[in-house]
Amino acid sequence: MFDEFSMTNPGPLAPFVGFTDQEVQNLCAEFQMDYEEIKRMYDGYCFEGTTHVYSPRSVVSALLTRSYDNFWNKTETFEALRDYIILNFKGLQDIITELLAGARKKINTATFTNDMAAFSSADDVLTLLVHLGYLGYDYKTKEIFIPNSEIASEFCNAVESAGWDNITAKGFSKSLLYR
């Protein structure tokens, strides 16, 4: 008998999904890096009972290279995100557009079958993007969102690469990229 913990509801494991806000503040002080810039770039994942959770790979890379860069594309293939967006199930393009503009959207994660190939709705694709870390998820409100500037830039790249000519990704994402 096993309990399953996921990115949609990590339960008591939430503080261990990434670095907590306090851990990042301590690391920034130790490495003499700008906490506010690290927060802008890599903060955004929130779980019940935990204030903020940061991408550990990105924070460590920023501290070691002493730069505030997009390290995300070095952890998951860019093509995976682009391919999921190109699938464009009913309403997916509109949802991505709204997310790039800073909106939060309700989704039903219960329809996802934990299969990276069998999608039956936009919610299935969006739930997979939550599990991959491309989207944040608020368990209480059942809403998804783009968690930080680093991920917003990945979505901009994916939308441009997908050829969605009616979306000016950089224009939509400015509020996220420079918040």
N, C-alpha and C. Protein backbone atom coordinates (compact mmCIF):
# COMPACT_ATOMS: atom_id res chain seq x y z
N MET A 1 0.85 -1.17 0.00
CA MET A 1 0.00 0.00 0.00
C MET A 1 0.89 1.24 0.00
N PHE A 2 0.69 2.07 -1.01
CA PHE A 2 1.48 3.26 -1.16
C PHE A 2 0.58 4.49 -1.27
N ASP A 3 1.07 5.60 -0.77
CA ASP A 3 0.40 6.87 -0.98
C ASP A 3 1.08 7.54 -2.15
N GLU A 4 0.30 8.22 -2.98
CA GLU A 4 0.86 8.94 -4.12
C GLU A 4 0.86 10.43 -3.83
N PHE A 5 1.99 11.05 -4.01
CA PHE A 5 2.12 12.49 -3.88
C PHE A 5 2.54 13.03 -5.23
N SER A 6 1.90 14.10 -5.69
CA SER A 6 2.18 14.63 -7.01
C SER A 6 2.32 16.15 -6.95
N MET A 7 2.60 16.75 -8.10
CA MET A 7 2.70 18.20 -8.17
C MET A 7 1.35 18.87 -8.00
N THR A 8 0.26 18.14 -8.17
CA THR A 8 -1.05 18.75 -7.95
C THR A 8 -1.43 18.73 -6.47
N ASN A 9 -0.85 17.80 -5.71
CA ASN A 9 -1.12 17.73 -4.27
C ASN A 9 0.03 16.98 -3.58
N PRO A 10 1.14 17.66 -3.33
CA PRO A 10 2.29 16.99 -2.73
C PRO A 10 2.15 16.70 -1.23
N GLY A 11 1.07 17.20 -0.62
CA GLY A 11 0.82 16.91 0.78
C GLY A 11 2.00 17.28 1.68
N PRO A 12 2.37 16.39 2.61
CA PRO A 12 3.44 16.71 3.55
C PRO A 12 4.82 16.81 2.91
N LEU A 13 4.94 16.40 1.65
CA LEU A 13 6.24 16.48 0.96
C LEU A 13 6.45 17.84 0.27
N ALA A 14 5.49 18.73 0.32
CA ALA A 14 5.56 20.02 -0.37
C ALA A 14 6.86 20.78 -0.12
N PRO A 15 7.35 20.90 1.12
CA PRO A 15 8.58 21.68 1.33
C PRO A 15 9.81 21.03 0.70
N PHE A 16 9.69 19.77 0.28
CA PHE A 16 10.84 19.07 -0.26
C PHE A 16 10.83 18.99 -1.79
N VAL A 17 9.80 19.59 -2.41
CA VAL A 17 9.71 19.60 -3.88
C VAL A 17 10.79 20.52 -4.44
N GLY A 18 11.14 21.55 -3.71
CA GLY A 18 12.16 22.51 -4.14
C GLY A 18 12.66 23.26 -2.92
N PHE A 19 13.37 24.35 -3.16
CA PHE A 19 13.85 25.17 -2.06
C PHE A 19 12.71 26.03 -1.52
N THR A 20 12.64 26.16 -0.20
CA THR A 20 11.65 27.06 0.40
C THR A 20 12.17 28.49 0.31
N ASP A 21 11.29 29.44 0.57
CA ASP A 21 11.65 30.85 0.51
C ASP A 21 12.80 31.16 1.48
N GLN A 22 12.72 30.62 2.68
CA GLN A 22 13.77 30.87 3.68
C GLN A 22 15.11 30.29 3.23
N GLU A 23 15.08 29.11 2.65
CA GLU A 23 16.32 28.50 2.15
C GLU A 23 16.94 29.36 1.05
N VAL A 24 16.11 29.91 0.17
CA VAL A 24 16.62 30.76 -0.91
C VAL A 24 17.19 32.06 -0.35
N GLN A 25 16.52 32.64 0.64
CA GLN A 25 17.07 33.85 1.26
C GLN A 25 18.44 33.57 1.86
N ASN A 26 18.57 32.46 2.56
CA ASN A 26 19.86 32.09 3.16
C ASN A 26 20.93 31.86 2.10
N LEU A 27 20.57 31.16 1.02
CA LEU A 27 21.53 30.90 -0.06
C LEU A 27 21.96 32.19 -0.74
N CYS A 28 21.03 33.09 -0.96
CA CYS A 28 21.37 34.38 -1.59
C CYS A 28 22.33 35.17 -0.72
N ALA A 29 22.10 35.16 0.58
CA ALA A 29 23.01 35.85 1.49
C ALA A 29 24.39 35.20 1.45
N GLU A 30 24.43 33.88 1.47
CA GLU A 30 25.71 33.15 1.46
C GLU A 30 26.48 33.38 0.16
N PHE A 31 25.78 33.41 -0.97
CA PHE A 31 26.44 33.55 -2.27
C PHE A 31 26.46 35.00 -2.76
N GLN A 32 25.97 35.91 -1.94
CA GLN A 32 25.92 37.34 -2.25
C GLN A 32 25.24 37.59 -3.60
N MET A 33 24.03 37.03 -3.72
CA MET A 33 23.22 37.21 -4.92
C MET A 33 21.96 37.97 -4.53
N ASP A 34 21.36 38.66 -5.48
CA ASP A 34 20.17 39.47 -5.25
C ASP A 34 18.94 38.58 -5.06
N TYR A 35 18.43 38.54 -3.84
CA TYR A 35 17.28 37.71 -3.51
C TYR A 35 16.06 38.08 -4.36
N GLU A 36 15.79 39.37 -4.55
CA GLU A 36 14.61 39.80 -5.31
C GLU A 36 14.68 39.33 -6.76
N GLU A 37 15.87 39.32 -7.34
CA GLU A 37 16.02 38.85 -8.72
C GLU A 37 15.85 37.33 -8.81
N ILE A 38 16.38 36.62 -7.84
CA ILE A 38 16.19 35.16 -7.79
C ILE A 38 14.69 34.86 -7.64
N LYS A 39 14.02 35.61 -6.79
CA LYS A 39 12.59 35.43 -6.56
C LYS A 39 11.81 35.68 -7.85
N ARG A 40 12.13 36.76 -8.55
CA ARG A 40 11.44 37.10 -9.79
C ARG A 40 11.60 36.00 -10.84
N MET A 41 12.79 35.45 -10.92
CA MET A 41 13.08 34.45 -11.95
C MET A 41 12.56 33.06 -11.62
N TYR A 42 12.68 32.61 -10.36
CA TYR A 42 12.49 31.19 -10.07
C TYR A 42 11.42 30.85 -9.03
N ASP A 43 10.80 31.86 -8.41
CA ASP A 43 9.74 31.60 -7.44
C ASP A 43 8.42 31.41 -8.18
N GLY A 44 7.43 30.86 -7.49
CA GLY A 44 6.11 30.80 -8.08
C GLY A 44 5.35 29.54 -7.79
N TYR A 45 6.01 28.49 -7.37
CA TYR A 45 5.28 27.27 -7.04
C TYR A 45 4.80 27.41 -5.59
N CYS A 46 3.52 27.22 -5.39
CA CYS A 46 2.94 27.34 -4.06
C CYS A 46 2.13 26.09 -3.76
N PHE A 47 2.33 25.54 -2.59
CA PHE A 47 1.58 24.36 -2.17
C PHE A 47 0.96 24.66 -0.82
N GLU A 48 -0.15 24.02 -0.54
CA GLU A 48 -0.84 24.22 0.73
C GLU A 48 0.12 23.90 1.88
N GLY A 49 0.21 24.82 2.83
CA GLY A 49 1.08 24.62 3.98
C GLY A 49 2.50 25.10 3.76
N THR A 50 2.82 25.52 2.55
CA THR A 50 4.16 26.00 2.21
C THR A 50 3.99 27.33 1.48
N THR A 51 4.74 28.34 1.88
CA THR A 51 4.55 29.64 1.27
C THR A 51 5.02 29.66 -0.18
N HIS A 52 6.28 29.43 -0.41
CA HIS A 52 6.85 29.48 -1.75
C HIS A 52 7.82 28.32 -1.92
N VAL A 53 7.87 27.80 -3.14
CA VAL A 53 8.83 26.76 -3.46
C VAL A 53 9.49 27.14 -4.79
N TYR A 54 10.82 27.07 -4.81
CA TYR A 54 11.60 27.47 -5.97
C TYR A 54 12.17 26.24 -6.67
N SER A 55 12.37 26.37 -7.97
CA SER A 55 13.01 25.31 -8.74
C SER A 55 14.45 25.13 -8.25
N PRO A 56 14.78 24.00 -7.64
CA PRO A 56 16.13 23.85 -7.08
C PRO A 56 17.22 23.86 -8.15
N ARG A 57 16.96 23.27 -9.29
CA ARG A 57 17.96 23.23 -10.37
C ARG A 57 18.30 24.65 -10.83
N SER A 58 17.29 25.46 -11.00
CA SER A 58 17.50 26.82 -11.48
C SER A 58 18.21 27.68 -10.44
N VAL A 59 17.81 27.57 -9.19
CA VAL A 59 18.44 28.37 -8.13
C VAL A 59 19.92 27.99 -8.00
N VAL A 60 20.21 26.71 -7.96
CA VAL A 60 21.60 26.26 -7.83
C VAL A 60 22.41 26.73 -9.04
N SER A 61 21.85 26.61 -10.24
CA SER A 61 22.58 27.05 -11.44
C SER A 61 22.85 28.55 -11.41
N ALA A 62 21.86 29.33 -10.97
CA ALA A 62 22.06 30.78 -10.87
C ALA A 62 23.15 31.12 -9.88
N LEU A 63 23.15 30.44 -8.73
CA LEU A 63 24.16 30.72 -7.71
C LEU A 63 25.55 30.31 -8.18
N LEU A 64 25.66 29.16 -8.82
CA LEU A 64 26.98 28.68 -9.26
C LEU A 64 27.54 29.48 -10.43
N THR A 65 26.65 29.92 -11.34
CA THR A 65 27.13 30.69 -12.49
C THR A 65 27.12 32.19 -12.22
N ARG A 66 26.52 32.56 -11.08
CA ARG A 66 26.40 33.97 -10.70
C ARG A 66 25.67 34.78 -11.77
N SER A 67 24.63 34.15 -12.35
CA SER A 67 23.83 34.84 -13.37
C SER A 67 22.36 34.47 -13.21
N TYR A 68 21.50 35.38 -13.62
CA TYR A 68 20.06 35.17 -13.55
C TYR A 68 19.60 34.84 -14.96
N ASP A 69 19.63 33.57 -15.27
CA ASP A 69 19.39 33.12 -16.64
C ASP A 69 18.27 32.10 -16.66
N ASN A 70 17.88 31.71 -17.84
CA ASN A 70 16.89 30.66 -18.02
C ASN A 70 17.64 29.33 -18.07
N PHE A 71 17.56 28.58 -17.00
CA PHE A 71 18.22 27.28 -16.93
C PHE A 71 17.23 26.15 -17.19
N TRP A 72 15.95 26.50 -17.34
CA TRP A 72 14.91 25.48 -17.47
C TRP A 72 15.11 24.61 -18.70
N ASN A 73 15.43 25.19 -19.83
CA ASN A 73 15.53 24.40 -21.06
C ASN A 73 16.66 23.40 -21.01
N LYS A 74 17.45 23.46 -19.98
CA LYS A 74 18.53 22.49 -19.82
C LYS A 74 18.09 21.30 -18.96
N THR A 75 16.83 21.31 -18.48
CA THR A 75 16.35 20.21 -17.64
C THR A 75 15.28 19.37 -18.32
N GLU A 76 14.53 19.93 -19.23
CA GLU A 76 13.48 19.19 -19.96
C GLU A 76 13.55 19.67 -21.40
N THR A 77 13.37 18.78 -22.33
CA THR A 77 13.52 19.19 -23.72
C THR A 77 12.49 20.22 -24.11
N PHE A 78 12.94 21.23 -24.79
CA PHE A 78 12.09 22.29 -25.30
C PHE A 78 11.02 21.71 -26.23
N GLU A 79 11.39 20.70 -26.99
CA GLU A 79 10.47 20.11 -27.94
C GLU A 79 9.25 19.51 -27.24
N ALA A 80 9.42 18.99 -26.03
CA ALA A 80 8.29 18.39 -25.32
C ALA A 80 7.21 19.43 -25.06
N LEU A 81 7.58 20.59 -24.55
CA LEU A 81 6.61 21.64 -24.30
C LEU A 81 5.96 22.08 -25.60
N ARG A 82 6.75 22.31 -26.62
CA ARG A 82 6.21 22.76 -27.90
C ARG A 82 5.22 21.74 -28.46
N ASP A 83 5.58 20.46 -28.40
CA ASP A 83 4.71 19.42 -28.93
C ASP A 83 3.38 19.36 -28.20
N TYR A 84 3.39 19.52 -26.88
CA TYR A 84 2.13 19.51 -26.13
C TYR A 84 1.26 20.70 -26.49
N ILE A 85 1.87 21.84 -26.70
CA ILE A 85 1.11 23.03 -27.07
C ILE A 85 0.54 22.88 -28.48
N ILE A 86 1.32 22.33 -29.39
CA ILE A 86 0.87 22.15 -30.76
C ILE A 86 -0.35 21.23 -30.84
N LEU A 87 -0.50 20.31 -29.89
CA LEU A 87 -1.65 19.41 -29.89
C LEU A 87 -2.96 20.18 -29.97
N ASN A 88 -3.02 21.33 -29.32
CA ASN A 88 -4.11 22.29 -29.41
C ASN A 88 -5.50 21.67 -29.30
N PHE A 89 -5.74 20.92 -28.22
CA PHE A 89 -7.08 20.43 -27.96
C PHE A 89 -8.03 21.61 -27.81
N LYS A 90 -9.31 21.35 -27.90
CA LYS A 90 -10.31 22.41 -27.85
C LYS A 90 -10.04 23.40 -26.71
N GLY A 91 -9.79 24.65 -27.10
CA GLY A 91 -9.58 25.69 -26.11
C GLY A 91 -8.16 25.84 -25.60
N LEU A 92 -7.25 24.94 -25.94
CA LEU A 92 -5.88 25.00 -25.39
C LEU A 92 -5.16 26.28 -25.78
N GLN A 93 -5.30 26.68 -27.04
CA GLN A 93 -4.62 27.89 -27.49
C GLN A 93 -5.12 29.11 -26.71
N ASP A 94 -6.41 29.21 -26.51
CA ASP A 94 -6.97 30.34 -25.75
C ASP A 94 -6.48 30.32 -24.30
N ILE A 95 -6.42 29.13 -23.71
CA ILE A 95 -5.96 29.01 -22.32
C ILE A 95 -4.51 29.45 -22.19
N ILE A 96 -3.66 28.98 -23.10
CA ILE A 96 -2.24 29.37 -23.08
C ILE A 96 -2.11 30.88 -23.24
N THR A 97 -2.91 31.45 -24.14
CA THR A 97 -2.88 32.90 -24.35
C THR A 97 -3.23 33.64 -23.07
N GLU A 98 -4.27 33.18 -22.38
CA GLU A 98 -4.67 33.83 -21.13
C GLU A 98 -3.61 33.66 -20.04
N LEU A 99 -3.00 32.48 -19.99
CA LEU A 99 -1.94 32.26 -18.99
C LEU A 99 -0.76 33.18 -19.25
N LEU A 100 -0.41 33.37 -20.52
CA LEU A 100 0.70 34.27 -20.85
C LEU A 100 0.38 35.71 -20.47
N ALA A 101 -0.89 36.03 -20.43
CA ALA A 101 -1.30 37.38 -20.03
C ALA A 101 -1.37 37.53 -18.51
N GLY A 102 -1.06 36.44 -17.78
CA GLY A 102 -1.03 36.51 -16.33
C GLY A 102 -2.24 35.93 -15.64
N ALA A 103 -3.18 35.35 -16.40
CA ALA A 103 -4.40 34.80 -15.80
C ALA A 103 -4.13 33.46 -15.12
N ARG A 104 -5.06 33.09 -14.29
CA ARG A 104 -5.12 31.75 -13.69
C ARG A 104 -6.37 31.09 -14.24
N LYS A 105 -6.32 29.78 -14.49
CA LYS A 105 -7.46 29.07 -15.08
C LYS A 105 -7.76 27.81 -14.29
N LYS A 106 -9.05 27.56 -14.05
CA LYS A 106 -9.46 26.31 -13.39
C LYS A 106 -9.32 25.16 -14.38
N ILE A 107 -8.83 24.02 -13.88
CA ILE A 107 -8.79 22.81 -14.69
C ILE A 107 -9.23 21.62 -13.84
N ASN A 108 -9.57 20.55 -14.52
CA ASN A 108 -9.92 19.30 -13.85
C ASN A 108 -8.75 18.34 -14.01
N THR A 109 -7.98 18.14 -12.96
CA THR A 109 -6.82 17.24 -13.03
C THR A 109 -7.21 15.78 -12.93
N ALA A 110 -8.45 15.49 -12.55
CA ALA A 110 -8.89 14.11 -12.35
C ALA A 110 -9.01 13.34 -13.65
N THR A 111 -9.09 14.02 -14.78
CA THR A 111 -9.23 13.32 -16.05
C THR A 111 -7.89 12.79 -16.57
N PHE A 112 -6.79 13.28 -16.02
CA PHE A 112 -5.46 12.87 -16.47
C PHE A 112 -5.19 11.43 -16.04
N THR A 113 -4.76 10.60 -16.98
CA THR A 113 -4.55 9.17 -16.71
C THR A 113 -3.09 8.81 -16.48
N ASN A 114 -2.24 9.81 -16.28
CA ASN A 114 -0.82 9.58 -16.04
C ASN A 114 -0.16 8.87 -17.21
N ASP A 115 -0.60 9.23 -18.40
CA ASP A 115 -0.08 8.68 -19.64
C ASP A 115 0.33 9.86 -20.51
N MET A 116 1.57 9.89 -20.93
CA MET A 116 2.07 11.03 -21.70
C MET A 116 1.68 10.98 -23.17
N ALA A 117 0.85 10.03 -23.57
CA ALA A 117 0.46 9.93 -24.97
C ALA A 117 -1.05 9.93 -25.18
N ALA A 118 -1.82 9.55 -24.18
CA ALA A 118 -3.27 9.43 -24.33
C ALA A 118 -3.98 10.63 -23.72
N PHE A 119 -4.14 11.68 -24.51
CA PHE A 119 -4.82 12.89 -24.05
C PHE A 119 -6.21 12.93 -24.64
N SER A 120 -7.20 13.32 -23.83
CA SER A 120 -8.56 13.45 -24.35
C SER A 120 -9.11 14.86 -24.20
N SER A 121 -8.36 15.75 -23.57
CA SER A 121 -8.84 17.12 -23.38
C SER A 121 -7.67 18.06 -23.14
N ALA A 122 -7.96 19.35 -23.21
CA ALA A 122 -6.94 20.36 -22.89
C ALA A 122 -6.50 20.20 -21.44
N ASP A 123 -7.44 19.85 -20.55
CA ASP A 123 -7.09 19.68 -19.14
C ASP A 123 -6.04 18.59 -18.95
N ASP A 124 -6.09 17.53 -19.76
CA ASP A 124 -5.09 16.46 -19.67
C ASP A 124 -3.70 17.00 -19.99
N VAL A 125 -3.59 17.78 -21.07
CA VAL A 125 -2.30 18.36 -21.46
C VAL A 125 -1.82 19.32 -20.38
N LEU A 126 -2.72 20.16 -19.88
CA LEU A 126 -2.34 21.15 -18.86
C LEU A 126 -1.93 20.46 -17.56
N THR A 127 -2.59 19.36 -17.20
CA THR A 127 -2.20 18.61 -16.01
C THR A 127 -0.82 18.02 -16.17
N LEU A 128 -0.52 17.51 -17.36
CA LEU A 128 0.83 17.01 -17.61
C LEU A 128 1.85 18.14 -17.45
N LEU A 129 1.53 19.33 -17.95
CA LEU A 129 2.45 20.46 -17.82
C LEU A 129 2.65 20.86 -16.36
N VAL A 130 1.64 20.63 -15.52
CA VAL A 130 1.81 20.84 -14.08
C VAL A 130 2.82 19.84 -13.54
N HIS A 131 2.65 18.57 -13.90
CA HIS A 131 3.56 17.52 -13.41
C HIS A 131 4.99 17.74 -13.89
N LEU A 132 5.15 18.30 -15.08
CA LEU A 132 6.48 18.58 -15.61
C LEU A 132 7.09 19.86 -15.04
N GLY A 133 6.28 20.66 -14.33
CA GLY A 133 6.78 21.88 -13.73
C GLY A 133 6.60 23.12 -14.59
N TYR A 134 5.99 22.98 -15.76
CA TYR A 134 5.77 24.14 -16.62
C TYR A 134 4.63 25.02 -16.14
N LEU A 135 3.75 24.47 -15.33
CA LEU A 135 2.66 25.25 -14.77
C LEU A 135 2.61 25.04 -13.26
N GLY A 136 2.24 26.09 -12.55
CA GLY A 136 1.96 25.95 -11.14
C GLY A 136 0.51 25.54 -10.97
N TYR A 137 0.17 24.98 -9.82
CA TYR A 137 -1.19 24.54 -9.56
C TYR A 137 -1.57 24.88 -8.13
N ASP A 138 -2.70 25.53 -7.98
CA ASP A 138 -3.23 25.88 -6.67
C ASP A 138 -4.29 24.84 -6.32
N TYR A 139 -3.96 23.95 -5.40
CA TYR A 139 -4.85 22.84 -5.05
C TYR A 139 -6.18 23.33 -4.49
N LYS A 140 -6.14 24.41 -3.74
CA LYS A 140 -7.37 24.93 -3.12
C LYS A 140 -8.36 25.46 -4.15
N THR A 141 -7.86 26.23 -5.11
CA THR A 141 -8.75 26.84 -6.11
C THR A 141 -8.85 26.01 -7.39
N LYS A 142 -7.99 24.98 -7.50
CA LYS A 142 -7.95 24.11 -8.70
C LYS A 142 -7.55 24.91 -9.94
N GLU A 143 -6.67 25.90 -9.76
CA GLU A 143 -6.25 26.77 -10.86
C GLU A 143 -4.79 26.54 -11.23
N ILE A 144 -4.52 26.71 -12.52
CA ILE A 144 -3.15 26.66 -13.03
C ILE A 144 -2.68 28.08 -13.33
N PHE A 145 -1.36 28.24 -13.41
CA PHE A 145 -0.77 29.54 -13.70
C PHE A 145 0.68 29.32 -14.14
N ILE A 146 1.22 30.30 -14.83
CA ILE A 146 2.65 30.25 -15.16
C ILE A 146 3.38 30.79 -13.94
N PRO A 147 4.27 29.97 -13.35
CA PRO A 147 4.79 30.29 -12.02
C PRO A 147 5.84 31.41 -11.94
N ASN A 148 6.62 31.63 -12.98
CA ASN A 148 7.70 32.62 -12.83
C ASN A 148 8.22 33.07 -14.19
N SER A 149 9.15 34.00 -14.18
CA SER A 149 9.71 34.57 -15.41
C SER A 149 10.44 33.53 -16.25
N GLU A 150 11.15 32.64 -15.60
CA GLU A 150 11.90 31.62 -16.33
C GLU A 150 10.95 30.76 -17.17
N ILE A 151 9.86 30.31 -16.58
CA ILE A 151 8.90 29.46 -17.28
C ILE A 151 8.13 30.27 -18.32
N ALA A 152 7.81 31.53 -18.03
CA ALA A 152 7.13 32.38 -19.01
C ALA A 152 7.96 32.48 -20.28
N SER A 153 9.28 32.59 -20.14
CA SER A 153 10.11 32.68 -21.34
C SER A 153 10.09 31.37 -22.12
N GLU A 154 9.97 30.23 -21.44
CA GLU A 154 9.86 28.94 -22.13
C GLU A 154 8.56 28.86 -22.91
N PHE A 155 7.47 29.36 -22.33
CA PHE A 155 6.20 29.38 -23.05
C PHE A 155 6.28 30.29 -24.26
N CYS A 156 6.93 31.43 -24.12
CA CYS A 156 7.09 32.34 -25.27
C CYS A 156 7.82 31.63 -26.40
N ASN A 157 8.91 30.94 -26.07
CA ASN A 157 9.66 30.20 -27.09
C ASN A 157 8.79 29.13 -27.74
N ALA A 158 8.03 28.42 -26.94
CA ALA A 158 7.19 27.33 -27.46
C ALA A 158 6.09 27.86 -28.37
N VAL A 159 5.44 28.95 -27.97
CA VAL A 159 4.36 29.52 -28.77
C VAL A 159 4.90 30.03 -30.10
N GLU A 160 6.04 30.71 -30.06
CA GLU A 160 6.64 31.19 -31.30
C GLU A 160 7.01 30.03 -32.21
N SER A 161 7.60 29.00 -31.64
CA SER A 161 8.02 27.82 -32.39
C SER A 161 6.82 27.05 -32.95
N ALA A 162 5.70 27.08 -32.22
CA ALA A 162 4.49 26.37 -32.66
C ALA A 162 3.80 27.08 -33.82
N GLY A 163 4.22 28.31 -34.11
CA GLY A 163 3.66 29.02 -35.24
C GLY A 163 2.29 29.61 -34.99
N TRP A 164 1.99 29.94 -33.75
CA TRP A 164 0.70 30.57 -33.46
C TRP A 164 0.81 32.04 -33.86
N ASP A 165 0.58 32.31 -35.12
CA ASP A 165 0.77 33.66 -35.67
C ASP A 165 -0.14 34.70 -35.04
N ASN A 166 -1.30 34.28 -34.54
CA ASN A 166 -2.23 35.26 -33.97
C ASN A 166 -1.88 35.61 -32.53
N ILE A 167 -0.79 35.07 -32.01
CA ILE A 167 -0.36 35.38 -30.65
C ILE A 167 1.01 36.03 -30.72
N THR A 168 1.13 37.19 -30.13
CA THR A 168 2.44 37.81 -30.00
C THR A 168 2.92 37.47 -28.60
N ALA A 169 3.63 36.35 -28.47
CA ALA A 169 3.99 35.80 -27.17
C ALA A 169 4.74 36.80 -26.30
N LYS A 170 5.69 37.49 -26.88
CA LYS A 170 6.48 38.40 -26.06
C LYS A 170 5.60 39.53 -25.50
N GLY A 171 4.64 39.98 -26.25
CA GLY A 171 3.74 41.02 -25.77
C GLY A 171 2.87 40.54 -24.62
N PHE A 172 2.36 39.32 -24.72
CA PHE A 172 1.52 38.78 -23.67
C PHE A 172 2.31 38.52 -22.40
N SER A 173 3.56 38.14 -22.55
CA SER A 173 4.31 37.67 -21.39
C SER A 173 5.06 38.77 -20.65
N LYS A 174 5.05 39.98 -21.14
CA LYS A 174 5.83 41.02 -20.47
C LYS A 174 5.48 41.16 -19.01
N SER A 175 4.19 41.03 -18.68
CA SER A 175 3.81 41.16 -17.28
C SER A 175 4.41 40.04 -16.45
N LEU A 176 4.60 38.88 -17.04
CA LEU A 176 5.18 37.76 -16.31
C LEU A 176 6.70 37.83 -16.31
N LEU A 177 7.27 38.20 -17.46
CA LEU A 177 8.72 38.22 -17.57
C LEU A 177 9.35 39.31 -16.72
N TYR A 178 8.65 40.41 -16.53
CA TYR A 178 9.24 41.53 -15.82
C TYR A 178 8.45 41.92 -14.58
N ARG A 179 7.77 40.95 -13.97
CA ARG A 179 6.96 41.29 -12.79
C ARG A 179 7.82 41.59 -11.59
